[in-house]
């Protein structure tokens, strides 16, 4: 405590520093602003396929979006939304959606750790199939959880397109 604080009875401030948020350290209850809309982060899923990791954040607002983040050779960020596409196994090498053909790009099995609403899939395995269009600008993500098949449509975004406000 400094001389003037002692003399005039000033209080020491107890300020906890909030870590600046990036797409690599988003937390549950943070707010993500994207396309002029605010979304609350309600779930965080971290996928691990033999040491290769990526993260998906469930964003809840007017609609539900998934923000996908992975560090490959460079940072890759994508925005996804679930679509009502019926698929069955075995999955095909190509899928048609909205008059666009998507081709199987990668597939595998990942161990998932979940936080927030995603805690119910903690330590479960998910089979994933990633499809892309000819220009590699739009994607279909297919995840198989047991007997349930989930399909999402997505596209790449730039990190600067979102703003993150720490929730705590």
N, C-alpha and C. Protein backbone atom coordinates (compact mmCIF):
# COMPACT_ATOMS: atom_id res chain seq x y z
N UNK A 1 0.85 -1.16 0.00
CA UNK A 1 0.00 0.00 0.00
C UNK A 1 0.90 1.23 0.00
N UNK A 2 0.57 2.21 -0.82
CA UNK A 2 1.37 3.42 -0.93
C UNK A 2 1.13 4.39 0.22
N UNK A 3 1.99 5.40 0.33
CA UNK A 3 1.93 6.39 1.41
C UNK A 3 0.58 7.11 1.43
N UNK A 4 0.09 7.58 0.25
CA UNK A 4 -1.16 8.33 0.21
C UNK A 4 -2.36 7.44 0.52
N UNK A 5 -2.28 6.18 0.15
CA UNK A 5 -3.38 5.28 0.48
C UNK A 5 -3.46 5.09 1.98
N UNK A 6 -2.31 4.96 2.63
CA UNK A 6 -2.30 4.82 4.09
C UNK A 6 -2.84 6.10 4.73
N UNK A 7 -2.37 7.24 4.21
CA UNK A 7 -2.74 8.52 4.79
C UNK A 7 -4.22 8.81 4.64
N UNK A 8 -4.78 8.56 3.46
CA UNK A 8 -6.18 8.92 3.20
C UNK A 8 -7.13 7.72 3.24
N UNK A 9 -6.63 6.58 3.63
CA UNK A 9 -7.49 5.42 3.82
C UNK A 9 -8.02 4.82 2.54
N UNK A 10 -7.29 4.96 1.47
CA UNK A 10 -7.73 4.38 0.20
C UNK A 10 -7.78 2.87 0.26
N UNK A 11 -8.70 2.30 -0.47
CA UNK A 11 -8.84 0.84 -0.49
C UNK A 11 -8.07 0.29 -1.68
N UNK A 12 -7.49 -0.87 -1.44
CA UNK A 12 -6.85 -1.57 -2.56
C UNK A 12 -7.94 -2.22 -3.39
N UNK A 13 -7.83 -2.08 -4.67
CA UNK A 13 -8.82 -2.69 -5.55
C UNK A 13 -8.51 -4.17 -5.73
N UNK A 14 -9.54 -4.95 -5.64
CA UNK A 14 -9.40 -6.38 -5.86
C UNK A 14 -10.03 -6.70 -7.21
N UNK A 15 -9.27 -6.51 -8.26
CA UNK A 15 -9.81 -6.72 -9.59
C UNK A 15 -9.22 -7.98 -10.18
N UNK A 16 -10.10 -8.90 -10.52
CA UNK A 16 -9.65 -10.13 -11.18
C UNK A 16 -9.62 -9.85 -12.67
N UNK A 17 -8.53 -10.19 -13.28
CA UNK A 17 -8.40 -9.96 -14.71
C UNK A 17 -9.12 -11.05 -15.49
N UNK A 18 -9.93 -10.64 -16.45
CA UNK A 18 -10.61 -11.58 -17.33
C UNK A 18 -9.70 -11.81 -18.53
N UNK A 19 -9.44 -13.08 -18.81
CA UNK A 19 -8.57 -13.42 -19.93
C UNK A 19 -9.27 -13.04 -21.23
N UNK A 20 -8.52 -12.35 -22.11
CA UNK A 20 -9.08 -11.97 -23.40
C UNK A 20 -9.48 -13.22 -24.17
N UNK A 21 -10.65 -13.18 -24.78
CA UNK A 21 -11.17 -14.34 -25.50
C UNK A 21 -10.76 -14.30 -26.96
N UNK A 22 -10.45 -15.48 -27.46
CA UNK A 22 -10.22 -15.70 -28.89
C UNK A 22 -11.04 -16.94 -29.26
N UNK A 23 -11.07 -17.28 -30.52
CA UNK A 23 -11.82 -18.48 -30.92
C UNK A 23 -11.19 -19.75 -30.32
N UNK A 24 -9.96 -19.65 -29.83
CA UNK A 24 -9.29 -20.82 -29.27
C UNK A 24 -9.57 -21.00 -27.77
N UNK A 25 -10.17 -20.01 -27.11
CA UNK A 25 -10.40 -20.17 -25.66
C UNK A 25 -11.79 -19.71 -25.22
N UNK A 26 -12.77 -19.81 -26.08
CA UNK A 26 -14.15 -19.45 -25.73
C UNK A 26 -14.62 -20.35 -24.59
N UNK A 27 -15.41 -19.77 -23.69
CA UNK A 27 -15.91 -20.49 -22.53
C UNK A 27 -17.44 -20.52 -22.54
N UNK A 28 -18.01 -21.47 -21.78
CA UNK A 28 -19.46 -21.53 -21.59
C UNK A 28 -19.92 -20.19 -21.01
N UNK A 29 -21.05 -19.69 -21.48
CA UNK A 29 -21.68 -18.42 -21.08
C UNK A 29 -21.05 -17.19 -21.70
N UNK A 30 -20.00 -17.34 -22.51
CA UNK A 30 -19.51 -16.20 -23.28
C UNK A 30 -20.58 -15.82 -24.30
N UNK A 31 -20.49 -14.61 -24.81
CA UNK A 31 -21.39 -14.14 -25.87
C UNK A 31 -20.57 -14.00 -27.15
N UNK A 32 -21.09 -14.58 -28.22
CA UNK A 32 -20.44 -14.47 -29.52
C UNK A 32 -21.37 -13.66 -30.42
N UNK A 33 -20.84 -12.57 -30.97
CA UNK A 33 -21.61 -11.77 -31.91
C UNK A 33 -21.16 -12.16 -33.31
N UNK A 34 -22.13 -12.59 -34.12
CA UNK A 34 -21.86 -12.99 -35.49
C UNK A 34 -23.00 -12.50 -36.37
N UNK A 35 -22.69 -11.87 -37.47
CA UNK A 35 -23.68 -11.40 -38.43
C UNK A 35 -24.75 -10.54 -37.75
N UNK A 36 -24.29 -9.64 -36.86
CA UNK A 36 -25.14 -8.68 -36.15
C UNK A 36 -26.11 -9.33 -35.16
N UNK A 37 -25.85 -10.57 -34.77
CA UNK A 37 -26.68 -11.28 -33.79
C UNK A 37 -25.80 -11.71 -32.63
N UNK A 38 -26.37 -11.70 -31.42
CA UNK A 38 -25.67 -12.19 -30.24
C UNK A 38 -26.12 -13.62 -29.94
N UNK A 39 -25.15 -14.45 -29.60
CA UNK A 39 -25.40 -15.85 -29.27
C UNK A 39 -24.69 -16.18 -27.96
N UNK A 40 -25.36 -16.93 -27.11
CA UNK A 40 -24.73 -17.40 -25.87
C UNK A 40 -24.09 -18.76 -26.13
N UNK A 41 -22.88 -18.94 -25.63
CA UNK A 41 -22.20 -20.23 -25.75
C UNK A 41 -22.77 -21.15 -24.67
N UNK A 42 -23.46 -22.22 -25.11
CA UNK A 42 -24.12 -23.11 -24.16
C UNK A 42 -23.49 -24.50 -24.11
N UNK A 43 -22.61 -24.78 -25.06
CA UNK A 43 -21.98 -26.10 -25.10
C UNK A 43 -20.62 -25.99 -25.77
N UNK A 44 -19.70 -26.79 -25.30
CA UNK A 44 -18.37 -26.86 -25.91
C UNK A 44 -18.01 -28.33 -26.04
N UNK A 45 -17.77 -28.74 -27.29
CA UNK A 45 -17.36 -30.12 -27.56
C UNK A 45 -15.95 -30.12 -28.12
N UNK A 46 -15.08 -30.91 -27.52
CA UNK A 46 -13.72 -31.05 -28.01
C UNK A 46 -13.57 -32.46 -28.55
N UNK A 47 -13.23 -32.56 -29.82
CA UNK A 47 -13.08 -33.84 -30.51
C UNK A 47 -11.59 -34.19 -30.56
N UNK A 48 -11.27 -35.47 -30.34
CA UNK A 48 -9.89 -35.92 -30.41
C UNK A 48 -9.84 -37.21 -31.22
N UNK A 49 -9.19 -37.14 -32.38
CA UNK A 49 -9.00 -38.30 -33.24
C UNK A 49 -7.51 -38.62 -33.25
N UNK A 50 -7.10 -39.52 -32.38
CA UNK A 50 -5.69 -39.93 -32.27
C UNK A 50 -4.74 -38.74 -32.12
N UNK A 51 -5.10 -37.79 -31.26
CA UNK A 51 -4.22 -36.65 -30.98
C UNK A 51 -4.54 -35.40 -31.76
N UNK A 52 -5.29 -35.51 -32.85
CA UNK A 52 -5.69 -34.32 -33.61
C UNK A 52 -6.99 -33.81 -33.00
N UNK A 53 -7.00 -32.53 -32.58
CA UNK A 53 -8.16 -31.97 -31.89
C UNK A 53 -8.80 -30.81 -32.64
N UNK A 54 -10.10 -30.69 -32.46
CA UNK A 54 -10.85 -29.52 -32.92
C UNK A 54 -12.00 -29.32 -31.96
N UNK A 55 -12.57 -28.12 -31.98
CA UNK A 55 -13.60 -27.75 -31.01
C UNK A 55 -14.82 -27.21 -31.73
N UNK A 56 -15.99 -27.54 -31.18
CA UNK A 56 -17.25 -26.99 -31.68
C UNK A 56 -17.98 -26.36 -30.51
N UNK A 57 -18.42 -25.10 -30.70
CA UNK A 57 -19.16 -24.38 -29.68
C UNK A 57 -20.61 -24.24 -30.14
N UNK A 58 -21.54 -24.63 -29.28
CA UNK A 58 -22.96 -24.46 -29.60
C UNK A 58 -23.37 -23.06 -29.19
N UNK A 59 -23.90 -22.31 -30.16
CA UNK A 59 -24.28 -20.91 -29.95
C UNK A 59 -25.80 -20.82 -29.99
N UNK A 60 -26.39 -20.28 -28.93
CA UNK A 60 -27.84 -20.19 -28.84
C UNK A 60 -28.27 -18.74 -28.93
N UNK A 61 -29.13 -18.45 -29.90
CA UNK A 61 -29.68 -17.11 -30.10
C UNK A 61 -31.05 -17.27 -30.72
N UNK A 62 -31.35 -16.45 -31.74
CA UNK A 62 -32.60 -16.61 -32.48
C UNK A 62 -32.68 -18.01 -33.09
N UNK A 63 -31.53 -18.53 -33.45
CA UNK A 63 -31.43 -19.91 -33.93
C UNK A 63 -30.18 -20.51 -33.27
N UNK A 64 -29.96 -21.78 -33.49
CA UNK A 64 -28.79 -22.45 -32.92
C UNK A 64 -27.76 -22.67 -34.02
N UNK A 65 -26.54 -22.21 -33.75
CA UNK A 65 -25.42 -22.38 -34.68
C UNK A 65 -24.31 -23.13 -33.95
N UNK A 66 -23.41 -23.70 -34.73
CA UNK A 66 -22.20 -24.33 -34.20
C UNK A 66 -21.00 -23.65 -34.81
N UNK A 67 -20.12 -23.15 -33.95
CA UNK A 67 -18.86 -22.53 -34.38
C UNK A 67 -17.78 -23.59 -34.26
N UNK A 68 -17.16 -23.93 -35.39
CA UNK A 68 -16.11 -24.96 -35.42
C UNK A 68 -14.76 -24.28 -35.54
N UNK A 69 -13.82 -24.74 -34.70
CA UNK A 69 -12.49 -24.14 -34.68
C UNK A 69 -11.44 -25.24 -34.65
N UNK A 70 -10.48 -25.16 -35.57
CA UNK A 70 -9.37 -26.12 -35.53
C UNK A 70 -8.10 -25.46 -36.04
N UNK A 71 -7.01 -25.90 -35.48
CA UNK A 71 -5.71 -25.41 -35.91
C UNK A 71 -5.07 -26.54 -36.70
N UNK A 72 -5.10 -26.40 -38.01
CA UNK A 72 -4.46 -27.38 -38.89
C UNK A 72 -3.12 -26.73 -39.26
N UNK A 73 -2.80 -26.60 -40.51
CA UNK A 73 -1.62 -25.83 -40.89
C UNK A 73 -1.83 -24.36 -40.57
N UNK A 74 -3.10 -23.96 -40.57
CA UNK A 74 -3.49 -22.60 -40.19
C UNK A 74 -4.83 -22.70 -39.49
N UNK A 75 -5.26 -21.59 -38.88
CA UNK A 75 -6.53 -21.57 -38.17
C UNK A 75 -7.68 -21.71 -39.16
N UNK A 76 -8.57 -22.65 -38.88
CA UNK A 76 -9.77 -22.86 -39.70
C UNK A 76 -10.99 -22.65 -38.82
N UNK A 77 -11.86 -21.73 -39.25
CA UNK A 77 -13.06 -21.39 -38.49
C UNK A 77 -14.26 -21.56 -39.42
N UNK A 78 -15.30 -22.22 -38.92
CA UNK A 78 -16.49 -22.43 -39.73
C UNK A 78 -17.75 -22.25 -38.91
N UNK A 79 -18.83 -21.92 -39.58
CA UNK A 79 -20.13 -21.77 -38.94
C UNK A 79 -21.06 -22.83 -39.54
N UNK A 80 -21.74 -23.57 -38.67
CA UNK A 80 -22.59 -24.68 -39.10
C UNK A 80 -23.98 -24.56 -38.49
N UNK A 81 -24.96 -25.10 -39.23
CA UNK A 81 -26.33 -25.16 -38.73
C UNK A 81 -26.89 -26.53 -39.08
N UNK A 82 -27.57 -27.17 -38.11
CA UNK A 82 -28.17 -28.48 -38.35
C UNK A 82 -29.22 -28.37 -39.44
N UNK A 83 -29.27 -29.40 -40.28
CA UNK A 83 -30.28 -29.46 -41.34
C UNK A 83 -31.02 -30.79 -41.24
N UNK A 84 -32.27 -30.81 -41.67
CA UNK A 84 -33.06 -32.05 -41.60
C UNK A 84 -32.81 -32.94 -42.82
N UNK A 85 -31.61 -33.51 -42.89
CA UNK A 85 -31.24 -34.36 -44.02
C UNK A 85 -31.23 -35.81 -43.52
N UNK A 86 -32.00 -36.65 -44.17
CA UNK A 86 -32.06 -38.06 -43.78
C UNK A 86 -30.99 -38.85 -44.52
N UNK A 87 -30.12 -39.48 -43.76
CA UNK A 87 -29.08 -40.34 -44.32
C UNK A 87 -29.11 -41.67 -43.58
N UNK A 88 -28.59 -42.69 -44.23
CA UNK A 88 -28.47 -43.98 -43.57
C UNK A 88 -27.12 -44.59 -43.93
N UNK A 89 -26.72 -45.53 -43.12
CA UNK A 89 -25.43 -46.19 -43.36
C UNK A 89 -25.61 -47.33 -44.35
N UNK A 90 -24.58 -47.59 -45.13
CA UNK A 90 -23.30 -46.90 -45.20
C UNK A 90 -23.47 -45.55 -45.92
N UNK A 91 -22.71 -44.57 -45.44
CA UNK A 91 -22.80 -43.24 -46.03
C UNK A 91 -22.17 -43.24 -47.42
N UNK A 92 -22.76 -42.47 -48.34
CA UNK A 92 -22.25 -42.44 -49.71
C UNK A 92 -20.98 -41.60 -49.84
N UNK A 93 -20.32 -41.71 -50.98
CA UNK A 93 -19.12 -40.92 -51.27
C UNK A 93 -19.49 -39.48 -51.64
N UNK A 94 -20.74 -39.28 -52.09
CA UNK A 94 -21.19 -37.92 -52.40
C UNK A 94 -22.64 -37.76 -51.97
N UNK A 95 -22.97 -36.51 -51.61
CA UNK A 95 -24.31 -36.19 -51.12
C UNK A 95 -24.80 -34.96 -51.86
N UNK A 96 -26.06 -34.97 -52.28
CA UNK A 96 -26.70 -33.81 -52.90
C UNK A 96 -27.47 -33.05 -51.83
N UNK A 97 -27.30 -31.71 -51.81
CA UNK A 97 -28.07 -30.86 -50.90
C UNK A 97 -28.25 -29.50 -51.56
N UNK A 98 -29.50 -29.06 -51.70
CA UNK A 98 -29.82 -27.78 -52.32
C UNK A 98 -29.14 -27.62 -53.69
N UNK A 99 -29.23 -28.65 -54.51
CA UNK A 99 -28.70 -28.67 -55.88
C UNK A 99 -27.17 -28.53 -55.95
N UNK A 100 -26.49 -28.87 -54.85
CA UNK A 100 -25.03 -28.86 -54.82
C UNK A 100 -24.56 -30.26 -54.44
N UNK A 101 -23.50 -30.71 -55.10
CA UNK A 101 -22.93 -32.02 -54.77
C UNK A 101 -21.75 -31.83 -53.82
N UNK A 102 -21.79 -32.60 -52.75
CA UNK A 102 -20.72 -32.58 -51.74
C UNK A 102 -20.02 -33.93 -51.79
N UNK A 103 -18.68 -33.89 -51.73
CA UNK A 103 -17.86 -35.09 -51.85
C UNK A 103 -17.18 -35.40 -50.53
N UNK A 104 -17.12 -36.67 -50.17
CA UNK A 104 -16.48 -37.09 -48.93
C UNK A 104 -15.02 -36.67 -48.94
N UNK A 105 -14.62 -35.93 -47.90
CA UNK A 105 -13.27 -35.40 -47.79
C UNK A 105 -12.47 -36.14 -46.72
N UNK A 106 -13.07 -36.31 -45.53
CA UNK A 106 -12.42 -37.01 -44.44
C UNK A 106 -13.45 -37.76 -43.62
N UNK A 107 -12.98 -38.78 -42.94
CA UNK A 107 -13.84 -39.50 -42.01
C UNK A 107 -12.97 -40.12 -40.94
N UNK A 108 -13.61 -40.44 -39.82
CA UNK A 108 -12.87 -41.06 -38.73
C UNK A 108 -13.75 -41.19 -37.51
N UNK A 109 -13.10 -41.51 -36.40
CA UNK A 109 -13.79 -41.63 -35.12
C UNK A 109 -13.04 -40.76 -34.11
N UNK A 110 -13.79 -39.99 -33.35
CA UNK A 110 -13.19 -39.10 -32.36
C UNK A 110 -13.79 -39.36 -30.99
N UNK A 111 -12.96 -39.24 -29.98
CA UNK A 111 -13.42 -39.26 -28.59
C UNK A 111 -13.80 -37.81 -28.26
N UNK A 112 -14.96 -37.62 -27.67
CA UNK A 112 -15.49 -36.27 -27.44
C UNK A 112 -15.54 -35.98 -25.94
N UNK A 113 -15.08 -34.79 -25.58
CA UNK A 113 -15.29 -34.31 -24.22
C UNK A 113 -16.22 -33.11 -24.32
N UNK A 114 -17.21 -33.07 -23.45
CA UNK A 114 -18.23 -32.03 -23.54
C UNK A 114 -18.38 -31.24 -22.26
N UNK A 115 -18.71 -29.96 -22.42
CA UNK A 115 -18.99 -29.06 -21.31
C UNK A 115 -20.32 -28.39 -21.55
N UNK A 116 -20.93 -27.88 -20.48
CA UNK A 116 -22.22 -27.21 -20.60
C UNK A 116 -23.27 -28.22 -21.02
N UNK A 117 -24.11 -27.84 -21.98
CA UNK A 117 -25.14 -28.77 -22.46
C UNK A 117 -24.53 -30.00 -23.12
N UNK A 118 -23.27 -29.90 -23.53
CA UNK A 118 -22.59 -31.03 -24.17
C UNK A 118 -22.03 -32.05 -23.20
N UNK A 119 -22.23 -31.84 -21.90
CA UNK A 119 -21.68 -32.77 -20.91
C UNK A 119 -22.25 -34.18 -21.08
N UNK A 120 -23.43 -34.29 -21.69
CA UNK A 120 -24.05 -35.61 -21.87
C UNK A 120 -23.30 -36.49 -22.87
N UNK A 121 -22.40 -35.93 -23.66
CA UNK A 121 -21.62 -36.75 -24.60
C UNK A 121 -20.16 -36.88 -24.15
N UNK A 122 -19.88 -36.46 -22.92
CA UNK A 122 -18.52 -36.52 -22.40
C UNK A 122 -18.00 -37.96 -22.42
N UNK A 123 -16.81 -38.13 -22.98
CA UNK A 123 -16.13 -39.43 -23.10
C UNK A 123 -16.87 -40.43 -23.99
N UNK A 124 -17.62 -39.92 -24.95
CA UNK A 124 -18.28 -40.81 -25.92
C UNK A 124 -17.55 -40.70 -27.25
N UNK A 125 -17.71 -41.74 -28.05
CA UNK A 125 -17.12 -41.74 -29.39
C UNK A 125 -18.14 -41.28 -30.41
N UNK A 126 -17.65 -40.56 -31.40
CA UNK A 126 -18.48 -40.05 -32.49
C UNK A 126 -17.78 -40.39 -33.79
N UNK A 127 -18.51 -40.99 -34.70
CA UNK A 127 -17.96 -41.17 -36.05
C UNK A 127 -18.33 -39.94 -36.86
N UNK A 128 -17.36 -39.41 -37.59
CA UNK A 128 -17.61 -38.19 -38.35
C UNK A 128 -17.23 -38.40 -39.82
N UNK A 129 -17.96 -37.67 -40.67
CA UNK A 129 -17.75 -37.70 -42.12
C UNK A 129 -17.87 -36.26 -42.59
N UNK A 130 -16.81 -35.73 -43.17
CA UNK A 130 -16.80 -34.36 -43.66
C UNK A 130 -16.84 -34.34 -45.18
N UNK A 131 -17.80 -33.61 -45.70
CA UNK A 131 -18.00 -33.48 -47.15
C UNK A 131 -17.77 -32.02 -47.54
N UNK A 132 -17.27 -31.79 -48.75
CA UNK A 132 -17.11 -30.41 -49.24
C UNK A 132 -17.57 -30.33 -50.69
N UNK A 133 -17.93 -29.10 -51.12
CA UNK A 133 -18.34 -28.89 -52.50
C UNK A 133 -17.09 -28.77 -53.38
N UNK A 134 -17.29 -28.57 -54.68
CA UNK A 134 -16.17 -28.48 -55.62
C UNK A 134 -15.20 -27.35 -55.29
N UNK A 135 -15.72 -26.23 -54.80
CA UNK A 135 -14.87 -25.07 -54.51
C UNK A 135 -14.28 -25.11 -53.10
N UNK A 136 -14.67 -26.12 -52.32
CA UNK A 136 -14.25 -26.26 -50.92
C UNK A 136 -14.60 -25.01 -50.11
N UNK A 137 -15.78 -24.46 -50.39
CA UNK A 137 -16.26 -23.28 -49.67
C UNK A 137 -17.44 -23.60 -48.76
N UNK A 138 -18.18 -24.66 -49.09
CA UNK A 138 -19.33 -25.08 -48.31
C UNK A 138 -19.15 -26.54 -47.93
N UNK A 139 -19.73 -26.89 -46.76
CA UNK A 139 -19.47 -28.22 -46.22
C UNK A 139 -20.73 -28.86 -45.67
N UNK A 140 -20.71 -30.16 -45.64
CA UNK A 140 -21.69 -30.94 -44.89
C UNK A 140 -20.90 -31.74 -43.87
N UNK A 141 -21.33 -31.64 -42.62
CA UNK A 141 -20.71 -32.41 -41.55
C UNK A 141 -21.72 -33.45 -41.09
N UNK A 142 -21.31 -34.71 -41.10
CA UNK A 142 -22.18 -35.79 -40.66
C UNK A 142 -21.54 -36.43 -39.43
N UNK A 143 -22.31 -36.52 -38.36
CA UNK A 143 -21.84 -37.17 -37.14
C UNK A 143 -22.79 -38.30 -36.79
N UNK A 144 -22.21 -39.42 -36.42
CA UNK A 144 -23.00 -40.58 -36.02
C UNK A 144 -22.72 -40.85 -34.55
N UNK A 145 -23.77 -40.71 -33.76
CA UNK A 145 -23.73 -40.95 -32.31
C UNK A 145 -24.59 -42.18 -32.05
N UNK A 146 -23.96 -43.33 -31.93
CA UNK A 146 -24.73 -44.57 -31.77
C UNK A 146 -25.52 -44.83 -33.03
N UNK A 147 -26.85 -44.79 -32.93
CA UNK A 147 -27.69 -45.01 -34.11
C UNK A 147 -28.23 -43.70 -34.68
N UNK A 148 -27.91 -42.58 -34.06
CA UNK A 148 -28.41 -41.28 -34.50
C UNK A 148 -27.43 -40.62 -35.46
N UNK A 149 -27.96 -40.16 -36.61
CA UNK A 149 -27.14 -39.48 -37.62
C UNK A 149 -27.55 -38.02 -37.67
N UNK A 150 -26.58 -37.12 -37.41
CA UNK A 150 -26.83 -35.68 -37.43
C UNK A 150 -26.08 -35.07 -38.62
N UNK A 151 -26.77 -34.19 -39.35
CA UNK A 151 -26.17 -33.54 -40.52
C UNK A 151 -26.23 -32.02 -40.33
N UNK A 152 -25.11 -31.36 -40.62
CA UNK A 152 -25.04 -29.90 -40.53
C UNK A 152 -24.45 -29.35 -41.82
N UNK A 153 -24.95 -28.18 -42.20
CA UNK A 153 -24.44 -27.44 -43.35
C UNK A 153 -23.56 -26.32 -42.82
N UNK A 154 -22.41 -26.11 -43.46
CA UNK A 154 -21.53 -25.06 -42.97
C UNK A 154 -20.69 -24.42 -44.04
N UNK A 155 -19.97 -23.37 -43.62
CA UNK A 155 -19.09 -22.64 -44.52
C UNK A 155 -18.00 -21.99 -43.68
N UNK A 156 -16.89 -21.68 -44.32
CA UNK A 156 -15.77 -21.04 -43.64
C UNK A 156 -16.09 -19.58 -43.36
N UNK A 157 -15.59 -19.11 -42.22
CA UNK A 157 -15.65 -17.69 -41.91
C UNK A 157 -14.26 -17.26 -41.47
N UNK A 158 -14.06 -15.96 -41.41
CA UNK A 158 -12.80 -15.42 -40.91
C UNK A 158 -12.97 -15.09 -39.43
N UNK A 159 -11.90 -15.24 -38.69
CA UNK A 159 -11.95 -14.98 -37.26
C UNK A 159 -12.48 -13.58 -36.94
N UNK A 160 -12.15 -12.60 -37.76
CA UNK A 160 -12.59 -11.23 -37.50
C UNK A 160 -14.10 -11.03 -37.66
N UNK A 161 -14.81 -12.01 -38.24
CA UNK A 161 -16.25 -11.89 -38.43
C UNK A 161 -17.03 -12.09 -37.14
N UNK A 162 -16.37 -12.54 -36.10
CA UNK A 162 -17.06 -12.72 -34.82
C UNK A 162 -16.37 -11.88 -33.75
N UNK A 163 -17.17 -11.47 -32.80
CA UNK A 163 -16.67 -10.77 -31.61
C UNK A 163 -17.08 -11.60 -30.40
N UNK A 164 -16.18 -11.71 -29.44
CA UNK A 164 -16.42 -12.54 -28.27
C UNK A 164 -16.40 -11.66 -27.02
N UNK A 165 -17.44 -11.79 -26.21
CA UNK A 165 -17.53 -11.06 -24.95
C UNK A 165 -17.49 -12.09 -23.84
N UNK A 166 -16.52 -11.97 -22.95
CA UNK A 166 -16.38 -12.92 -21.85
C UNK A 166 -17.60 -12.89 -20.95
N UNK A 167 -18.12 -14.07 -20.65
CA UNK A 167 -19.29 -14.17 -19.79
C UNK A 167 -18.95 -14.10 -18.31
N UNK A 168 -17.70 -14.40 -17.99
CA UNK A 168 -17.27 -14.34 -16.58
C UNK A 168 -15.79 -14.10 -16.49
